[in-house]
């Protein structure tokens, strides 16, 4: 991925239709992450049920692949999503490390 695109997705503002939305298992939330920086901030703040809901559905890797256009990050996220041994805190930390590494 070119540096300019990485910066845009890290701190720029994706349009609403390309943003990630933390909604949770019952759809009670509607927290918009319009870039990777805000994604990480919101990820730290959402409850474990919301985090796990999106994690187990593969929503993070799908967003990284389809909206952020980063297949490598999506692959790293998919590995976290399928590791059932991870606690919510561990999966958050692994995804944070992957995102920050980009």
PDB file of N, CA and C in Angstrom:
ATOM      1  N   UNK A   1       0.856  -1.174   0.000  1.00  0.00           N
ATOM      2  CA  UNK A   1       0.000   0.000   0.000  1.00  0.00           C
ATOM      3  C   UNK A   1       0.896   1.229   0.000  1.00  0.00           C
ATOM      4  N   UNK A   2       0.545   2.207  -0.798  1.00  0.00           N
ATOM      5  CA  UNK A   2       1.346   3.416  -0.844  1.00  0.00           C
ATOM      6  C   UNK A   2       1.173   4.221   0.438  1.00  0.00           C
ATOM      7  N   UNK A   3       2.217   4.974   0.787  1.00  0.00           N
ATOM      8  CA  UNK A   3       2.241   5.741   2.034  1.00  0.00           C
ATOM      9  C   UNK A   3       1.071   6.727   2.123  1.00  0.00           C
ATOM     10  N   UNK A   4       0.766   7.377   1.020  1.00  0.00           N
ATOM     11  CA  UNK A   4      -0.315   8.369   1.020  1.00  0.00           C
ATOM     12  C   UNK A   4      -1.645   7.721   1.411  1.00  0.00           C
ATOM     13  N   UNK A   5      -1.915   6.549   0.844  1.00  0.00           N
ATOM     14  CA  UNK A   5      -3.164   5.869   1.169  1.00  0.00           C
ATOM     15  C   UNK A   5      -3.195   5.420   2.625  1.00  0.00           C
ATOM     16  N   UNK A   6      -2.060   4.937   3.115  1.00  0.00           N
ATOM     17  CA  UNK A   6      -1.994   4.508   4.507  1.00  0.00           C
ATOM     18  C   UNK A   6      -2.334   5.660   5.428  1.00  0.00           C
ATOM     19  N   UNK A   7      -1.754   6.816   5.158  1.00  0.00           N
ATOM     20  CA  UNK A   7      -2.001   7.995   5.988  1.00  0.00           C
ATOM     21  C   UNK A   7      -3.485   8.398   5.915  1.00  0.00           C
ATOM     22  N   UNK A   8      -4.050   8.358   4.717  1.00  0.00           N
ATOM     23  CA  UNK A   8      -5.452   8.740   4.545  1.00  0.00           C
ATOM     24  C   UNK A   8      -6.370   7.850   5.379  1.00  0.00           C
ATOM     25  N   UNK A   9      -6.127   6.557   5.346  1.00  0.00           N
ATOM     26  CA  UNK A   9      -6.984   5.643   6.091  1.00  0.00           C
ATOM     27  C   UNK A   9      -6.710   5.687   7.590  1.00  0.00           C
ATOM     28  N   UNK A  10      -5.500   6.086   7.958  1.00  0.00           N
ATOM     29  CA  UNK A  10      -5.150   6.157   9.380  1.00  0.00           C
ATOM     30  C   UNK A  10      -5.793   7.351  10.046  1.00  0.00           C
ATOM     31  N   UNK A  11      -5.722   8.524   9.413  1.00  0.00           N
ATOM     32  CA  UNK A  11      -6.212   9.734  10.076  1.00  0.00           C
ATOM     33  C   UNK A  11      -7.203  10.535   9.260  1.00  0.00           C
ATOM     34  N   UNK A  12      -7.387  10.196   7.998  1.00  0.00           N
ATOM     35  CA  UNK A  12      -8.341  10.922   7.161  1.00  0.00           C
ATOM     36  C   UNK A  12      -9.763  10.547   7.533  1.00  0.00           C
ATOM     37  N   UNK A  13     -10.698  10.955   6.707  1.00  0.00           N
ATOM     38  CA  UNK A  13     -12.095  10.634   7.021  1.00  0.00           C
ATOM     39  C   UNK A  13     -12.751   9.904   5.861  1.00  0.00           C
ATOM     40  N   UNK A  14     -13.031   8.630   6.112  1.00  0.00           N
ATOM     41  CA  UNK A  14     -13.778   7.848   5.130  1.00  0.00           C
ATOM     42  C   UNK A  14     -15.228   8.317   5.142  1.00  0.00           C
ATOM     43  N   UNK A  15     -15.897   8.235   4.012  1.00  0.00           N
ATOM     44  CA  UNK A  15     -17.319   8.586   3.999  1.00  0.00           C
ATOM     45  C   UNK A  15     -18.121   7.584   4.833  1.00  0.00           C
ATOM     46  N   UNK A  16     -19.309   7.973   5.259  1.00  0.00           N
ATOM     47  CA  UNK A  16     -20.117   7.094   6.113  1.00  0.00           C
ATOM     48  C   UNK A  16     -20.290   5.680   5.569  1.00  0.00           C
ATOM     49  N   UNK A  17     -20.466   5.531   4.275  1.00  0.00           N
ATOM     50  CA  UNK A  17     -20.714   4.199   3.720  1.00  0.00           C
ATOM     51  C   UNK A  17     -19.451   3.318   3.717  1.00  0.00           C
ATOM     52  N   UNK A  18     -18.292   3.893   3.930  1.00  0.00           N
ATOM     53  CA  UNK A  18     -17.046   3.106   3.992  1.00  0.00           C
ATOM     54  C   UNK A  18     -16.502   3.012   5.414  1.00  0.00           C
ATOM     55  N   UNK A  19     -17.156   3.672   6.351  1.00  0.00           N
ATOM     56  CA  UNK A  19     -16.722   3.657   7.749  1.00  0.00           C
ATOM     57  C   UNK A  19     -17.100   2.346   8.419  1.00  0.00           C
ATOM     58  N   UNK A  20     -16.447   2.060   9.542  1.00  0.00           N
ATOM     59  CA  UNK A  20     -16.815   0.896  10.343  1.00  0.00           C
ATOM     60  C   UNK A  20     -17.770   1.353  11.432  1.00  0.00           C
ATOM     61  N   UNK A  21     -18.799   0.555  11.694  1.00  0.00           N
ATOM     62  CA  UNK A  21     -19.768   0.882  12.740  1.00  0.00           C
ATOM     63  C   UNK A  21     -19.783  -0.219  13.787  1.00  0.00           C
ATOM     64  N   UNK A  22     -19.460   0.164  15.010  1.00  0.00           N
ATOM     65  CA  UNK A  22     -19.627  -0.751  16.135  1.00  0.00           C
ATOM     66  C   UNK A  22     -21.098  -0.684  16.520  1.00  0.00           C
ATOM     67  N   UNK A  23     -21.820  -1.766  16.297  1.00  0.00           N
ATOM     68  CA  UNK A  23     -23.256  -1.797  16.597  1.00  0.00           C
ATOM     69  C   UNK A  23     -23.575  -2.741  17.754  1.00  0.00           C
ATOM     70  N   UNK A  24     -22.820  -3.804  17.864  1.00  0.00           N
ATOM     71  CA  UNK A  24     -23.044  -4.758  18.945  1.00  0.00           C
ATOM     72  C   UNK A  24     -24.074  -5.809  18.590  1.00  0.00           C
ATOM     73  N   UNK A  25     -24.190  -6.842  19.445  1.00  0.00           N
ATOM     74  CA  UNK A  25     -25.050  -7.987  19.134  1.00  0.00           C
ATOM     75  C   UNK A  25     -26.532  -7.644  19.059  1.00  0.00           C
ATOM     76  N   UNK A  26     -26.944  -6.615  19.739  1.00  0.00           N
ATOM     77  CA  UNK A  26     -28.369  -6.264  19.720  1.00  0.00           C
ATOM     78  C   UNK A  26     -28.629  -4.958  18.981  1.00  0.00           C
ATOM     79  N   UNK A  27     -27.620  -4.445  18.313  1.00  0.00           N
ATOM     80  CA  UNK A  27     -27.783  -3.217  17.533  1.00  0.00           C
ATOM     81  C   UNK A  27     -28.027  -1.982  18.373  1.00  0.00           C
ATOM     82  N   UNK A  28     -27.580  -1.999  19.623  1.00  0.00           N
ATOM     83  CA  UNK A  28     -27.832  -0.868  20.516  1.00  0.00           C
ATOM     84  C   UNK A  28     -26.881   0.299  20.273  1.00  0.00           C
ATOM     85  N   UNK A  29     -25.741   0.008  19.671  1.00  0.00           N
ATOM     86  CA  UNK A  29     -24.743   1.049  19.426  1.00  0.00           C
ATOM     87  C   UNK A  29     -24.746   1.451  17.962  1.00  0.00           C
ATOM     88  N   UNK A  30     -24.173   2.618  17.712  1.00  0.00           N
ATOM     89  CA  UNK A  30     -23.971   3.082  16.347  1.00  0.00           C
ATOM     90  C   UNK A  30     -22.747   3.995  16.351  1.00  0.00           C
ATOM     91  N   UNK A  31     -21.597   3.410  16.729  1.00  0.00           N
ATOM     92  CA  UNK A  31     -20.369   4.178  16.868  1.00  0.00           C
ATOM     93  C   UNK A  31     -19.574   4.105  15.574  1.00  0.00           C
ATOM     94  N   UNK A  32     -19.366   5.239  14.948  1.00  0.00           N
ATOM     95  CA  UNK A  32     -18.723   5.289  13.633  1.00  0.00           C
ATOM     96  C   UNK A  32     -17.219   5.512  13.755  1.00  0.00           C
ATOM     97  N   UNK A  33     -16.474   4.625  13.112  1.00  0.00           N
ATOM     98  CA  UNK A  33     -15.030   4.790  12.981  1.00  0.00           C
ATOM     99  C   UNK A  33     -14.754   5.162  11.531  1.00  0.00           C
ATOM    100  N   UNK A  34     -14.414   6.415  11.307  1.00  0.00           N
ATOM    101  CA  UNK A  34     -14.188   6.877   9.937  1.00  0.00           C
ATOM    102  C   UNK A  34     -12.730   6.775   9.506  1.00  0.00           C
ATOM    103  N   UNK A  35     -11.871   6.249  10.409  1.00  0.00           N
ATOM    104  CA  UNK A  35     -10.484   5.973  10.046  1.00  0.00           C
ATOM    105  C   UNK A  35      -9.909   4.973  11.051  1.00  0.00           C
ATOM    106  N   UNK A  36      -8.686   4.544  10.822  1.00  0.00           N
ATOM    107  CA  UNK A  36      -8.080   3.526  11.682  1.00  0.00           C
ATOM    108  C   UNK A  36      -7.776   4.056  13.083  1.00  0.00           C
ATOM    109  N   UNK A  37      -7.413   5.323  13.197  1.00  0.00           N
ATOM    110  CA  UNK A  37      -7.133   5.920  14.502  1.00  0.00           C
ATOM    111  C   UNK A  37      -8.389   5.893  15.376  1.00  0.00           C
ATOM    112  N   UNK A  38      -9.506   6.310  14.827  1.00  0.00           N
ATOM    113  CA  UNK A  38     -10.764   6.309  15.593  1.00  0.00           C
ATOM    114  C   UNK A  38     -11.234   4.878  15.837  1.00  0.00           C
ATOM    115  N   UNK A  39     -11.001   3.984  14.879  1.00  0.00           N
ATOM    116  CA  UNK A  39     -11.327   2.571  15.086  1.00  0.00           C
ATOM    117  C   UNK A  39     -10.655   2.057  16.361  1.00  0.00           C
ATOM    118  N   UNK A  40      -9.353   2.343  16.504  1.00  0.00           N
ATOM    119  CA  UNK A  40      -8.630   1.883  17.690  1.00  0.00           C
ATOM    120  C   UNK A  40      -9.164   2.515  18.969  1.00  0.00           C
ATOM    121  N   UNK A  41      -9.498   3.790  18.915  1.00  0.00           N
ATOM    122  CA  UNK A  41     -10.063   4.459  20.095  1.00  0.00           C
ATOM    123  C   UNK A  41     -11.389   3.822  20.499  1.00  0.00           C
ATOM    124  N   UNK A  42     -12.259   3.613  19.545  1.00  0.00           N
ATOM    125  CA  UNK A  42     -13.562   3.017  19.840  1.00  0.00           C
ATOM    126  C   UNK A  42     -13.408   1.567  20.291  1.00  0.00           C
ATOM    127  N   UNK A  43     -12.482   0.836  19.672  1.00  0.00           N
ATOM    128  CA  UNK A  43     -12.248  -0.562  20.047  1.00  0.00           C
ATOM    129  C   UNK A  43     -11.872  -0.664  21.518  1.00  0.00           C
ATOM    130  N   UNK A  44     -11.082   0.279  21.995  1.00  0.00           N
ATOM    131  CA  UNK A  44     -10.694   0.278  23.408  1.00  0.00           C
ATOM    132  C   UNK A  44     -11.882   0.550  24.331  1.00  0.00           C
ATOM    133  N   UNK A  45     -12.887   1.239  23.819  1.00  0.00           N
ATOM    134  CA  UNK A  45     -13.996   1.668  24.668  1.00  0.00           C
ATOM    135  C   UNK A  45     -15.247   0.814  24.632  1.00  0.00           C
ATOM    136  N   UNK A  46     -15.397   0.003  23.593  1.00  0.00           N
ATOM    137  CA  UNK A  46     -16.631  -0.788  23.523  1.00  0.00           C
ATOM    138  C   UNK A  46     -16.555  -1.968  24.493  1.00  0.00           C
ATOM    139  N   UNK A  47     -17.709  -2.426  24.912  1.00  0.00           N
ATOM    140  CA  UNK A  47     -17.779  -3.560  25.840  1.00  0.00           C
ATOM    141  C   UNK A  47     -17.351  -4.846  25.132  1.00  0.00           C
ATOM    142  N   UNK A  48     -16.986  -5.844  25.927  1.00  0.00           N
ATOM    143  CA  UNK A  48     -16.496  -7.107  25.370  1.00  0.00           C
ATOM    144  C   UNK A  48     -17.511  -7.793  24.470  1.00  0.00           C
ATOM    145  N   UNK A  49     -18.791  -7.715  24.801  1.00  0.00           N
ATOM    146  CA  UNK A  49     -19.818  -8.367  23.978  1.00  0.00           C
ATOM    147  C   UNK A  49     -19.853  -7.749  22.581  1.00  0.00           C
ATOM    148  N   UNK A  50     -19.744  -6.424  22.508  1.00  0.00           N
ATOM    149  CA  UNK A  50     -19.738  -5.746  21.209  1.00  0.00           C
ATOM    150  C   UNK A  50     -18.483  -6.101  20.434  1.00  0.00           C
ATOM    151  N   UNK A  51     -17.343  -6.056  21.112  1.00  0.00           N
ATOM    152  CA  UNK A  51     -16.082  -6.392  20.460  1.00  0.00           C
ATOM    153  C   UNK A  51     -16.136  -7.810  19.882  1.00  0.00           C
ATOM    154  N   UNK A  52     -16.538  -8.766  20.722  1.00  0.00           N
ATOM    155  CA  UNK A  52     -16.582 -10.168  20.292  1.00  0.00           C
ATOM    156  C   UNK A  52     -17.603 -10.408  19.186  1.00  0.00           C
ATOM    157  N   UNK A  53     -18.707  -9.708  19.244  1.00  0.00           N
ATOM    158  CA  UNK A  53     -19.744  -9.843  18.222  1.00  0.00           C
ATOM    159  C   UNK A  53     -19.137  -9.581  16.835  1.00  0.00           C
ATOM    160  N   UNK A  54     -18.463  -8.483  16.696  1.00  0.00           N
ATOM    161  CA  UNK A  54     -17.872  -8.134  15.405  1.00  0.00           C
ATOM    162  C   UNK A  54     -16.675  -9.034  15.078  1.00  0.00           C
ATOM    163  N   UNK A  55     -15.894  -9.378  16.101  1.00  0.00           N
ATOM    164  CA  UNK A  55     -14.722 -10.235  15.911  1.00  0.00           C
ATOM    165  C   UNK A  55     -15.126 -11.585  15.337  1.00  0.00           C
ATOM    166  N   UNK A  56     -16.093 -12.234  15.960  1.00  0.00           N
ATOM    167  CA  UNK A  56     -16.486 -13.594  15.565  1.00  0.00           C
ATOM    168  C   UNK A  56     -17.225 -13.637  14.233  1.00  0.00           C
ATOM    169  N   UNK A  57     -17.788 -12.510  13.807  1.00  0.00           N
ATOM    170  CA  UNK A  57     -18.453 -12.441  12.498  1.00  0.00           C
ATOM    171  C   UNK A  57     -17.466 -12.161  11.364  1.00  0.00           C
ATOM    172  N   UNK A  58     -16.221 -11.823  11.736  1.00  0.00           N
ATOM    173  CA  UNK A  58     -15.225 -11.483  10.716  1.00  0.00           C
ATOM    174  C   UNK A  58     -15.379 -10.073  10.185  1.00  0.00           C
ATOM    175  N   UNK A  59     -16.055  -9.222  10.946  1.00  0.00           N
ATOM    176  CA  UNK A  59     -16.321  -7.861  10.474  1.00  0.00           C
ATOM    177  C   UNK A  59     -15.059  -7.013  10.329  1.00  0.00           C
ATOM    178  N   UNK A  60     -14.081  -7.212  11.214  1.00  0.00           N
ATOM    179  CA  UNK A  60     -12.872  -6.387  11.165  1.00  0.00           C
ATOM    180  C   UNK A  60     -12.065  -6.686   9.905  1.00  0.00           C
ATOM    181  N   UNK A  61     -11.807  -7.967   9.651  1.00  0.00           N
ATOM    182  CA  UNK A  61     -11.034  -8.316   8.454  1.00  0.00           C
ATOM    183  C   UNK A  61     -11.779  -7.906   7.179  1.00  0.00           C
ATOM    184  N   UNK A  62     -13.080  -8.038   7.183  1.00  0.00           N
ATOM    185  CA  UNK A  62     -13.872  -7.639   6.013  1.00  0.00           C
ATOM    186  C   UNK A  62     -13.727  -6.136   5.765  1.00  0.00           C
ATOM    187  N   UNK A  63     -13.793  -5.328   6.829  1.00  0.00           N
ATOM    188  CA  UNK A  63     -13.654  -3.872   6.683  1.00  0.00           C
ATOM    189  C   UNK A  63     -12.260  -3.518   6.183  1.00  0.00           C
ATOM    190  N   UNK A  64     -11.236  -4.146   6.762  1.00  0.00           N
ATOM    191  CA  UNK A  64      -9.871  -3.854   6.331  1.00  0.00           C
ATOM    192  C   UNK A  64      -9.684  -4.222   4.856  1.00  0.00           C
ATOM    193  N   UNK A  65     -10.265  -5.326   4.427  1.00  0.00           N
ATOM    194  CA  UNK A  65     -10.113  -5.795   3.047  1.00  0.00           C
ATOM    195  C   UNK A  65     -10.931  -4.943   2.079  1.00  0.00           C
ATOM    196  N   UNK A  66     -12.212  -4.744   2.389  1.00  0.00           N
ATOM    197  CA  UNK A  66     -13.119  -4.122   1.423  1.00  0.00           C
ATOM    198  C   UNK A  66     -13.141  -2.599   1.466  1.00  0.00           C
ATOM    199  N   UNK A  67     -12.956  -2.017   2.635  1.00  0.00           N
ATOM    200  CA  UNK A  67     -13.078  -0.559   2.758  1.00  0.00           C
ATOM    201  C   UNK A  67     -11.739   0.155   2.917  1.00  0.00           C
ATOM    202  N   UNK A  68     -10.817  -0.467   3.661  1.00  0.00           N
ATOM    203  CA  UNK A  68      -9.494   0.113   3.848  1.00  0.00           C
ATOM    204  C   UNK A  68      -8.575  -0.301   2.694  1.00  0.00           C
ATOM    205  N   UNK A  69      -8.924  -1.395   2.025  1.00  0.00           N
ATOM    206  CA  UNK A  69      -8.176  -1.902   0.861  1.00  0.00           C
ATOM    207  C   UNK A  69      -6.768  -2.353   1.259  1.00  0.00           C
ATOM    208  N   UNK A  70      -6.673  -3.060   2.387  1.00  0.00           N
ATOM    209  CA  UNK A  70      -5.384  -3.560   2.864  1.00  0.00           C
ATOM    210  C   UNK A  70      -5.518  -5.061   3.119  1.00  0.00           C
ATOM    211  N   UNK A  71      -5.131  -5.848   2.126  1.00  0.00           N
ATOM    212  CA  UNK A  71      -5.272  -7.302   2.225  1.00  0.00           C
ATOM    213  C   UNK A  71      -4.381  -7.907   3.306  1.00  0.00           C
ATOM    214  N   UNK A  72      -3.191  -7.330   3.506  1.00  0.00           N
ATOM    215  CA  UNK A  72      -2.288  -7.858   4.537  1.00  0.00           C
ATOM    216  C   UNK A  72      -2.879  -7.642   5.934  1.00  0.00           C
ATOM    217  N   UNK A  73      -3.393  -6.458   6.175  1.00  0.00           N
ATOM    218  CA  UNK A  73      -4.023  -6.179   7.462  1.00  0.00           C
ATOM    219  C   UNK A  73      -5.254  -7.061   7.648  1.00  0.00           C
ATOM    220  N   UNK A  74      -6.009  -7.258   6.579  1.00  0.00           N
ATOM    221  CA  UNK A  74      -7.186  -8.123   6.643  1.00  0.00           C
ATOM    222  C   UNK A  74      -6.789  -9.553   7.003  1.00  0.00           C
ATOM    223  N   UNK A  75      -5.693 -10.030   6.448  1.00  0.00           N
ATOM    224  CA  UNK A  75      -5.232 -11.388   6.750  1.00  0.00           C
ATOM    225  C   UNK A  75      -4.810 -11.503   8.210  1.00  0.00           C
ATOM    226  N   UNK A  76      -4.126 -10.481   8.725  1.00  0.00           N
ATOM    227  CA  UNK A  76      -3.734 -10.491  10.133  1.00  0.00           C
ATOM    228  C   UNK A  76      -4.972 -10.484  11.028  1.00  0.00           C
ATOM    229  N   UNK A  77      -5.960  -9.678  10.655  1.00  0.00           N
ATOM    230  CA  UNK A  77      -7.201  -9.612  11.439  1.00  0.00           C
ATOM    231  C   UNK A  77      -7.945 -10.941  11.390  1.00  0.00           C
ATOM    232  N   UNK A  78      -7.976 -11.568  10.237  1.00  0.00           N
ATOM    233  CA  UNK A  78      -8.660 -12.857  10.104  1.00  0.00           C
ATOM    234  C   UNK A  78      -8.041 -13.906  11.014  1.00  0.00           C
ATOM    235  N   UNK A  79      -6.723 -13.870  11.156  1.00  0.00           N
ATOM    236  CA  UNK A  79      -6.046 -14.812  12.048  1.00  0.00           C
ATOM    237  C   UNK A  79      -6.472 -14.587  13.494  1.00  0.00           C
ATOM    238  N   UNK A  80      -6.647 -13.334  13.870  1.00  0.00           N
ATOM    239  CA  UNK A  80      -7.111 -13.009  15.227  1.00  0.00           C
ATOM    240  C   UNK A  80      -8.567 -13.443  15.394  1.00  0.00           C
ATOM    241  N   UNK A  81      -9.379 -13.186  14.379  1.00  0.00           N
ATOM    242  CA  UNK A  81     -10.808 -13.500  14.446  1.00  0.00           C
ATOM    243  C   UNK A  81     -11.072 -14.997  14.617  1.00  0.00           C
ATOM    244  N   UNK A  82     -10.201 -15.811  14.085  1.00  0.00           N
ATOM    245  CA  UNK A  82     -10.430 -17.259  14.135  1.00  0.00           C
ATOM    246  C   UNK A  82      -9.741 -17.937  15.313  1.00  0.00           C
ATOM    247  N   UNK A  83      -8.982 -17.184  16.098  1.00  0.00           N
ATOM    248  CA  UNK A  83      -8.288 -17.750  17.261  1.00  0.00           C
ATOM    249  C   UNK A  83      -9.220 -17.691  18.472  1.00  0.00           C
ATOM    250  N   UNK A  84      -9.949 -18.767  18.672  1.00  0.00           N
ATOM    251  CA  UNK A  84     -10.960 -18.810  19.742  1.00  0.00           C
ATOM    252  C   UNK A  84     -10.361 -18.815  21.147  1.00  0.00           C
ATOM    253  N   UNK A  85      -9.059 -19.037  21.261  1.00  0.00           N
ATOM    254  CA  UNK A  85      -8.413 -19.079  22.577  1.00  0.00           C
ATOM    255  C   UNK A  85      -8.143 -17.685  23.138  1.00  0.00           C
ATOM    256  N   UNK A  86      -8.246 -16.656  22.292  1.00  0.00           N
ATOM    257  CA  UNK A  86      -7.939 -15.299  22.739  1.00  0.00           C
ATOM    258  C   UNK A  86      -9.073 -14.703  23.567  1.00  0.00           C
ATOM    259  N   UNK A  87      -8.710 -14.005  24.630  1.00  0.00           N
ATOM    260  CA  UNK A  87      -9.692 -13.239  25.394  1.00  0.00           C
ATOM    261  C   UNK A  87      -9.993 -11.963  24.610  1.00  0.00           C
ATOM    262  N   UNK A  88     -11.077 -11.249  24.942  1.00  0.00           N
ATOM    263  CA  UNK A  88     -11.330  -9.974  24.267  1.00  0.00           C
ATOM    264  C   UNK A  88     -10.137  -9.008  24.382  1.00  0.00           C
ATOM    265  N   UNK A  89      -9.509  -8.950  25.549  1.00  0.00           N
ATOM    266  CA  UNK A  89      -8.355  -8.053  25.736  1.00  0.00           C
ATOM    267  C   UNK A  89      -7.194  -8.462  24.834  1.00  0.00           C
ATOM    268  N   UNK A  90      -6.957  -9.759  24.730  1.00  0.00           N
ATOM    269  CA  UNK A  90      -5.864 -10.239  23.881  1.00  0.00           C
ATOM    270  C   UNK A  90      -6.140  -9.985  22.405  1.00  0.00           C
ATOM    271  N   UNK A  91      -7.369 -10.210  21.974  1.00  0.00           N
ATOM    272  CA  UNK A  91      -7.688  -9.979  20.558  1.00  0.00           C
ATOM    273  C   UNK A  91      -7.630  -8.487  20.227  1.00  0.00           C
ATOM    274  N   UNK A  92      -8.061  -7.642  21.145  1.00  0.00           N
ATOM    275  CA  UNK A  92      -7.947  -6.191  20.931  1.00  0.00           C
ATOM    276  C   UNK A  92      -6.486  -5.797  20.772  1.00  0.00           C
ATOM    277  N   UNK A  93      -5.643  -6.315  21.655  1.00  0.00           N
ATOM    278  CA  UNK A  93      -4.218  -5.971  21.613  1.00  0.00           C
ATOM    279  C   UNK A  93      -3.575  -6.466  20.327  1.00  0.00           C
ATOM    280  N   UNK A  94      -3.910  -7.658  19.893  1.00  0.00           N
ATOM    281  CA  UNK A  94      -3.337  -8.187  18.648  1.00  0.00           C
ATOM    282  C   UNK A  94      -3.778  -7.375  17.442  1.00  0.00           C
ATOM    283  N   UNK A  95      -5.048  -6.970  17.423  1.00  0.00           N
ATOM    284  CA  UNK A  95      -5.506  -6.138  16.302  1.00  0.00           C
ATOM    285  C   UNK A  95      -4.877  -4.757  16.364  1.00  0.00           C
ATOM    286  N   UNK A  96      -4.749  -4.192  17.560  1.00  0.00           N
ATOM    287  CA  UNK A  96      -4.097  -2.883  17.715  1.00  0.00           C
ATOM    288  C   UNK A  96      -2.674  -2.952  17.167  1.00  0.00           C
ATOM    289  N   UNK A  97      -1.949  -3.986  17.534  1.00  0.00           N
ATOM    290  CA  UNK A  97      -0.575  -4.155  17.071  1.00  0.00           C
ATOM    291  C   UNK A  97      -0.524  -4.251  15.542  1.00  0.00           C
ATOM    292  N   UNK A  98      -1.456  -4.989  14.971  1.00  0.00           N
ATOM    293  CA  UNK A  98      -1.510  -5.135  13.515  1.00  0.00           C
ATOM    294  C   UNK A  98      -1.787  -3.793  12.841  1.00  0.00           C
ATOM    295  N   UNK A  99      -2.765  -3.052  13.355  1.00  0.00           N
ATOM    296  CA  UNK A  99      -3.117  -1.759  12.766  1.00  0.00           C
ATOM    297  C   UNK A  99      -1.962  -0.776  12.924  1.00  0.00           C
ATOM    298  N   UNK A 100      -1.393  -0.708  14.102  1.00  0.00           N
ATOM    299  CA  UNK A 100      -0.298   0.235  14.336  1.00  0.00           C
ATOM    300  C   UNK A 100       0.932  -0.123  13.507  1.00  0.00           C
ATOM    301  N   UNK A 101       1.084  -1.399  13.192  1.00  0.00           N
ATOM    302  CA  UNK A 101       2.192  -1.825  12.364  1.00  0.00           C
ATOM    303  C   UNK A 101       2.073  -1.414  10.910  1.00  0.00           C
ATOM    304  N   UNK A 102       0.898  -1.014  10.502  1.00  0.00           N
ATOM    305  CA  UNK A 102       0.660  -0.608   9.115  1.00  0.00           C
ATOM    306  C   UNK A 102       1.077   0.832   8.939  1.00  0.00           C
TER     307      UNK A 102
END
